[in-house]
Amino acid sequence: MEELQTKDIAEKIDLMKQIVSGFTDVIGKENEALKNNDVKTVKLLYEQKLKTVAAYRSLSAFFIKNRAAVSAFESKEKDELKELSGILDKALKTNEMLLKTRMEAGKKVMDTIIGIAKTTNKSNATSYGAHGTYTPLDNNRNALAFNRTL
């Protein structure tokens, strides 16, 4: 029974190495696309990223459940998995930074567009004033909609 468990752990470690390598590859491609402002490639990688994350989480459950047995297991593959995991961690930190930067930049662009539209709209719009009377002077609360594809 002990041999089967050792064999099972070795197989899981080997599978995890493949998943971590694949995950690192996907994240690396996404990071490169984010650096090049290639949103199309980022969208194309989304499905692959989801599948890889699902496989990673699923296999991580095995390692968490069998933590003691995995900790006691010594092999070259386990050390390689630790190295690969470190590389993945660095790629994920870069990915997080690039995604946050992209989101903040997008928000600032949209805020700028909305600000310009409100300023332009303010000079052309009219509204009801504080006392319910029609006035062109109190028109700073106009509704504004925008198309996300801008």
C-alpha atoms as a PDB file:
ATOM      1  CA  MET A   1       0.000   0.000   0.000  1.00  0.00           C
ATOM      2  CA  GLU A   2       2.899   2.358   0.805  1.00  0.00           C
ATOM      3  CA  GLU A   3       4.377   1.829  -2.691  1.00  0.00           C
ATOM      4  CA  LEU A   4       1.076   2.763  -4.318  1.00  0.00           C
ATOM      5  CA  GLN A   5       0.906   5.963  -2.277  1.00  0.00           C
ATOM      6  CA  THR A   6       4.473   6.904  -3.204  1.00  0.00           C
ATOM      7  CA  LYS A   7       3.741   6.185  -6.864  1.00  0.00           C
ATOM      8  CA  ASP A   8       0.535   8.246  -6.658  1.00  0.00           C
ATOM      9  CA  ILE A   9       2.373  11.203  -5.106  1.00  0.00           C
ATOM     10  CA  ALA A  10       5.087  11.026  -7.770  1.00  0.00           C
ATOM     11  CA  GLU A  11       2.447  10.998 -10.526  1.00  0.00           C
ATOM     12  CA  LYS A  12       0.628  13.962  -8.973  1.00  0.00           C
ATOM     13  CA  ILE A  13       3.868  15.912  -8.662  1.00  0.00           C
ATOM     14  CA  ASP A  14       4.678  15.205 -12.309  1.00  0.00           C
ATOM     15  CA  LEU A  15       1.179  16.289 -13.364  1.00  0.00           C
ATOM     16  CA  MET A  16       1.438  19.434 -11.248  1.00  0.00           C
ATOM     17  CA  LYS A  17       4.760  20.275 -12.894  1.00  0.00           C
ATOM     18  CA  GLN A  18       3.031  20.111 -16.287  1.00  0.00           C
ATOM     19  CA  ILE A  19       0.141  22.276 -15.082  1.00  0.00           C
ATOM     20  CA  VAL A  20       2.450  24.847 -13.470  1.00  0.00           C
ATOM     21  CA  SER A  21       4.568  25.013 -16.640  1.00  0.00           C
ATOM     22  CA  GLY A  22       1.439  25.470 -18.758  1.00  0.00           C
ATOM     23  CA  PHE A  23       0.078  28.084 -16.369  1.00  0.00           C
ATOM     24  CA  THR A  24       3.382  29.973 -16.459  1.00  0.00           C
ATOM     25  CA  ASP A  25       3.280  29.888 -20.259  1.00  0.00           C
ATOM     26  CA  VAL A  26      -0.276  31.263 -20.409  1.00  0.00           C
ATOM     27  CA  ILE A  27       0.517  34.003 -17.891  1.00  0.00           C
ATOM     28  CA  GLY A  28       3.709  34.868 -19.780  1.00  0.00           C
ATOM     29  CA  LYS A  29       1.754  35.244 -23.034  1.00  0.00           C
ATOM     30  CA  GLU A  30      -0.877  37.350 -21.286  1.00  0.00           C
ATOM     31  CA  ASN A  31       1.788  39.557 -19.700  1.00  0.00           C
ATOM     32  CA  GLU A  32       3.401  40.109 -23.085  1.00  0.00           C
ATOM     33  CA  ALA A  33       0.016  40.948 -24.632  1.00  0.00           C
ATOM     34  CA  LEU A  34      -0.733  43.390 -21.789  1.00  0.00           C
ATOM     35  CA  LYS A  35       2.645  45.086 -22.262  1.00  0.00           C
ATOM     36  CA  ASN A  36       1.908  45.427 -25.993  1.00  0.00           C
ATOM     37  CA  ASN A  37      -1.660  46.615 -25.344  1.00  0.00           C
ATOM     38  CA  ASP A  38      -2.952  43.609 -27.322  1.00  0.00           C
ATOM     39  CA  VAL A  39      -6.420  43.220 -25.819  1.00  0.00           C
ATOM     40  CA  LYS A  40      -7.451  40.726 -28.506  1.00  0.00           C
ATOM     41  CA  THR A  41      -4.778  38.238 -27.412  1.00  0.00           C
ATOM     42  CA  VAL A  42      -5.691  38.745 -23.745  1.00  0.00           C
ATOM     43  CA  LYS A  43      -9.295  37.855 -24.585  1.00  0.00           C
ATOM     44  CA  LEU A  44      -8.191  34.795 -26.556  1.00  0.00           C
ATOM     45  CA  LEU A  45      -6.093  33.571 -23.609  1.00  0.00           C
ATOM     46  CA  TYR A  46      -8.965  33.955 -21.136  1.00  0.00           C
ATOM     47  CA  GLU A  47     -10.535  30.516 -21.743  1.00  0.00           C
ATOM     48  CA  GLN A  48      -7.163  28.790 -21.618  1.00  0.00           C
ATOM     49  CA  LYS A  49      -6.360  30.632 -18.391  1.00  0.00           C
ATOM     50  CA  LEU A  50      -9.652  29.525 -16.818  1.00  0.00           C
ATOM     51  CA  LYS A  51      -9.058  25.878 -17.722  1.00  0.00           C
ATOM     52  CA  THR A  52      -5.508  25.987 -16.402  1.00  0.00           C
ATOM     53  CA  VAL A  53      -6.599  27.614 -13.143  1.00  0.00           C
ATOM     54  CA  ALA A  54      -9.316  24.965 -12.706  1.00  0.00           C
ATOM     55  CA  ALA A  55      -6.791  22.146 -13.207  1.00  0.00           C
ATOM     56  CA  TYR A  56      -4.330  23.857 -10.852  1.00  0.00           C
ATOM     57  CA  ARG A  57      -6.961  24.258  -8.115  1.00  0.00           C
ATOM     58  CA  SER A  58      -8.174  20.701  -8.522  1.00  0.00           C
ATOM     59  CA  LEU A  59      -4.710  19.235  -8.149  1.00  0.00           C
ATOM     60  CA  SER A  60      -3.842  21.641  -5.331  1.00  0.00           C
ATOM     61  CA  ALA A  61      -6.673  20.052  -3.349  1.00  0.00           C
ATOM     62  CA  PHE A  62      -4.801  16.716  -3.496  1.00  0.00           C
ATOM     63  CA  PHE A  63      -1.622  18.334  -2.131  1.00  0.00           C
ATOM     64  CA  ILE A  64      -3.520  20.092   0.644  1.00  0.00           C
ATOM     65  CA  LYS A  65      -5.403  16.938   1.605  1.00  0.00           C
ATOM     66  CA  ASN A  66      -2.207  14.842   1.638  1.00  0.00           C
ATOM     67  CA  ARG A  67       0.129  17.509   3.025  1.00  0.00           C
ATOM     68  CA  ALA A  68       1.915  15.201   5.465  1.00  0.00           C
ATOM     69  CA  ALA A  69       2.615  12.496   2.885  1.00  0.00           C
ATOM     70  CA  VAL A  70       3.776  15.047   0.300  1.00  0.00           C
ATOM     71  CA  SER A  71       6.038  16.772   2.854  1.00  0.00           C
ATOM     72  CA  ALA A  72       7.686  13.455   3.717  1.00  0.00           C
ATOM     73  CA  PHE A  73       8.122  12.550   0.043  1.00  0.00           C
ATOM     74  CA  GLU A  74      11.592  13.448  -1.233  1.00  0.00           C
ATOM     75  CA  SER A  75      12.458  13.538  -4.911  1.00  0.00           C
ATOM     76  CA  LYS A  76      14.155  15.576  -7.592  1.00  0.00           C
ATOM     77  CA  GLU A  77      10.739  16.211  -9.180  1.00  0.00           C
ATOM     78  CA  LYS A  78       9.451  17.791  -5.984  1.00  0.00           C
ATOM     79  CA  ASP A  79      12.407  20.207  -5.980  1.00  0.00           C
ATOM     80  CA  GLU A  80      11.749  20.995  -9.658  1.00  0.00           C
ATOM     81  CA  LEU A  81       8.097  21.687  -8.826  1.00  0.00           C
ATOM     82  CA  LYS A  82       9.204  24.161  -6.150  1.00  0.00           C
ATOM     83  CA  GLU A  83      11.387  25.964  -8.701  1.00  0.00           C
ATOM     84  CA  LEU A  84       8.605  26.048 -11.289  1.00  0.00           C
ATOM     85  CA  SER A  85       6.175  27.334  -8.658  1.00  0.00           C
ATOM     86  CA  GLY A  86       8.564  30.177  -7.845  1.00  0.00           C
ATOM     87  CA  ILE A  87       8.718  31.155 -11.512  1.00  0.00           C
ATOM     88  CA  LEU A  88       4.913  31.027 -11.710  1.00  0.00           C
ATOM     89  CA  ASP A  89       4.629  33.197  -8.605  1.00  0.00           C
ATOM     90  CA  LYS A  90       6.828  35.901 -10.175  1.00  0.00           C
ATOM     91  CA  ALA A  91       4.809  35.772 -13.410  1.00  0.00           C
ATOM     92  CA  LEU A  92       1.550  36.076 -11.455  1.00  0.00           C
ATOM     93  CA  LYS A  93       2.834  39.114  -9.544  1.00  0.00           C
ATOM     94  CA  THR A  94       3.793  40.769 -12.834  1.00  0.00           C
ATOM     95  CA  ASN A  95       0.389  39.822 -14.253  1.00  0.00           C
ATOM     96  CA  GLU A  96      -1.395  41.378 -11.282  1.00  0.00           C
ATOM     97  CA  MET A  97       0.564  44.614 -11.665  1.00  0.00           C
ATOM     98  CA  LEU A  98      -0.084  44.789 -15.421  1.00  0.00           C
ATOM     99  CA  LEU A  99      -3.810  44.092 -15.020  1.00  0.00           C
ATOM    100  CA  LYS A 100      -4.187  46.725 -12.290  1.00  0.00           C
ATOM    101  CA  THR A 101      -2.316  49.264 -14.419  1.00  0.00           C
ATOM    102  CA  ARG A 102      -4.510  48.467 -17.416  1.00  0.00           C
ATOM    103  CA  MET A 103      -7.696  48.820 -15.355  1.00  0.00           C
ATOM    104  CA  GLU A 104      -6.581  52.111 -13.784  1.00  0.00           C
ATOM    105  CA  ALA A 105      -5.579  53.528 -17.168  1.00  0.00           C
ATOM    106  CA  GLY A 106      -8.927  52.490 -18.662  1.00  0.00           C
ATOM    107  CA  LYS A 107     -10.779  54.117 -15.774  1.00  0.00           C
ATOM    108  CA  LYS A 108      -8.822  57.361 -16.170  1.00  0.00           C
ATOM    109  CA  VAL A 109      -9.529  57.447 -19.915  1.00  0.00           C
ATOM    110  CA  MET A 110     -13.245  56.909 -19.320  1.00  0.00           C
ATOM    111  CA  ASP A 111     -13.296  59.523 -16.534  1.00  0.00           C
ATOM    112  CA  THR A 112     -11.644  62.009 -18.896  1.00  0.00           C
ATOM    113  CA  ILE A 113     -14.140  61.277 -21.678  1.00  0.00           C
ATOM    114  CA  ILE A 114     -17.045  61.574 -19.251  1.00  0.00           C
ATOM    115  CA  GLY A 115     -15.664  64.847 -17.874  1.00  0.00           C
ATOM    116  CA  ILE A 116     -15.361  66.326 -21.365  1.00  0.00           C
ATOM    117  CA  ALA A 117     -18.848  65.117 -22.291  1.00  0.00           C
ATOM    118  CA  LYS A 118     -20.325  66.606 -19.117  1.00  0.00           C
ATOM    119  CA  THR A 119     -18.617  69.938 -19.716  1.00  0.00           C
ATOM    120  CA  THR A 120     -19.816  70.007 -23.326  1.00  0.00           C
ATOM    121  CA  ASN A 121     -23.275  68.836 -22.338  1.00  0.00           C
ATOM    122  CA  LYS A 122     -23.477  71.363 -19.510  1.00  0.00           C
ATOM    123  CA  SER A 123     -23.348  74.327 -21.887  1.00  0.00           C
ATOM    124  CA  ASN A 124     -26.112  72.835 -24.071  1.00  0.00           C
ATOM    125  CA  ALA A 125     -28.419  71.339 -21.458  1.00  0.00           C
ATOM    126  CA  THR A 126     -31.138  72.772 -19.324  1.00  0.00           C
ATOM    127  CA  SER A 127     -32.720  71.442 -16.173  1.00  0.00           C
ATOM    128  CA  TYR A 128     -34.973  72.289 -13.277  1.00  0.00           C
ATOM    129  CA  GLY A 129     -33.423  74.350 -10.542  1.00  0.00           C
ATOM    130  CA  ALA A 130     -33.481  73.877  -6.784  1.00  0.00           C
ATOM    131  CA  HIS A 131     -36.975  75.377  -6.476  1.00  0.00           C
ATOM    132  CA  GLY A 132     -38.458  73.351  -9.333  1.00  0.00           C
ATOM    133  CA  THR A 133     -38.193  76.145 -11.827  1.00  0.00           C
ATOM    134  CA  TYR A 134     -36.728  75.726 -15.266  1.00  0.00           C
ATOM    135  CA  THR A 135     -33.237  77.194 -15.436  1.00  0.00           C
ATOM    136  CA  PRO A 136     -30.233  76.750 -17.731  1.00  0.00           C
ATOM    137  CA  LEU A 137     -27.877  77.749 -14.886  1.00  0.00           C
ATOM    138  CA  ASP A 138     -28.381  74.715 -12.606  1.00  0.00           C
ATOM    139  CA  ASN A 139     -27.575  71.937 -15.052  1.00  0.00           C
ATOM    140  CA  ASN A 140     -24.649  70.147 -13.393  1.00  0.00           C
ATOM    141  CA  ARG A 141     -26.542  66.904 -12.744  1.00  0.00           C
ATOM    142  CA  ASN A 142     -27.253  65.530 -16.180  1.00  0.00           C
ATOM    143  CA  ALA A 143     -27.440  61.821 -16.934  1.00  0.00           C
ATOM    144  CA  LEU A 144     -24.741  60.519 -19.228  1.00  0.00           C
ATOM    145  CA  ALA A 145     -24.365  57.151 -20.956  1.00  0.00           C
ATOM    146  CA  PHE A 146     -21.359  55.928 -22.882  1.00  0.00           C
ATOM    147  CA  ASN A 147     -20.536  53.039 -25.172  1.00  0.00           C
ATOM    148  CA  ARG A 148     -17.879  50.729 -23.657  1.00  0.00           C
ATOM    149  CA  THR A 149     -16.260  50.171 -27.061  1.00  0.00           C
ATOM    150  CA  LEU A 150     -14.873  53.709 -27.003  1.00  0.00           C
END
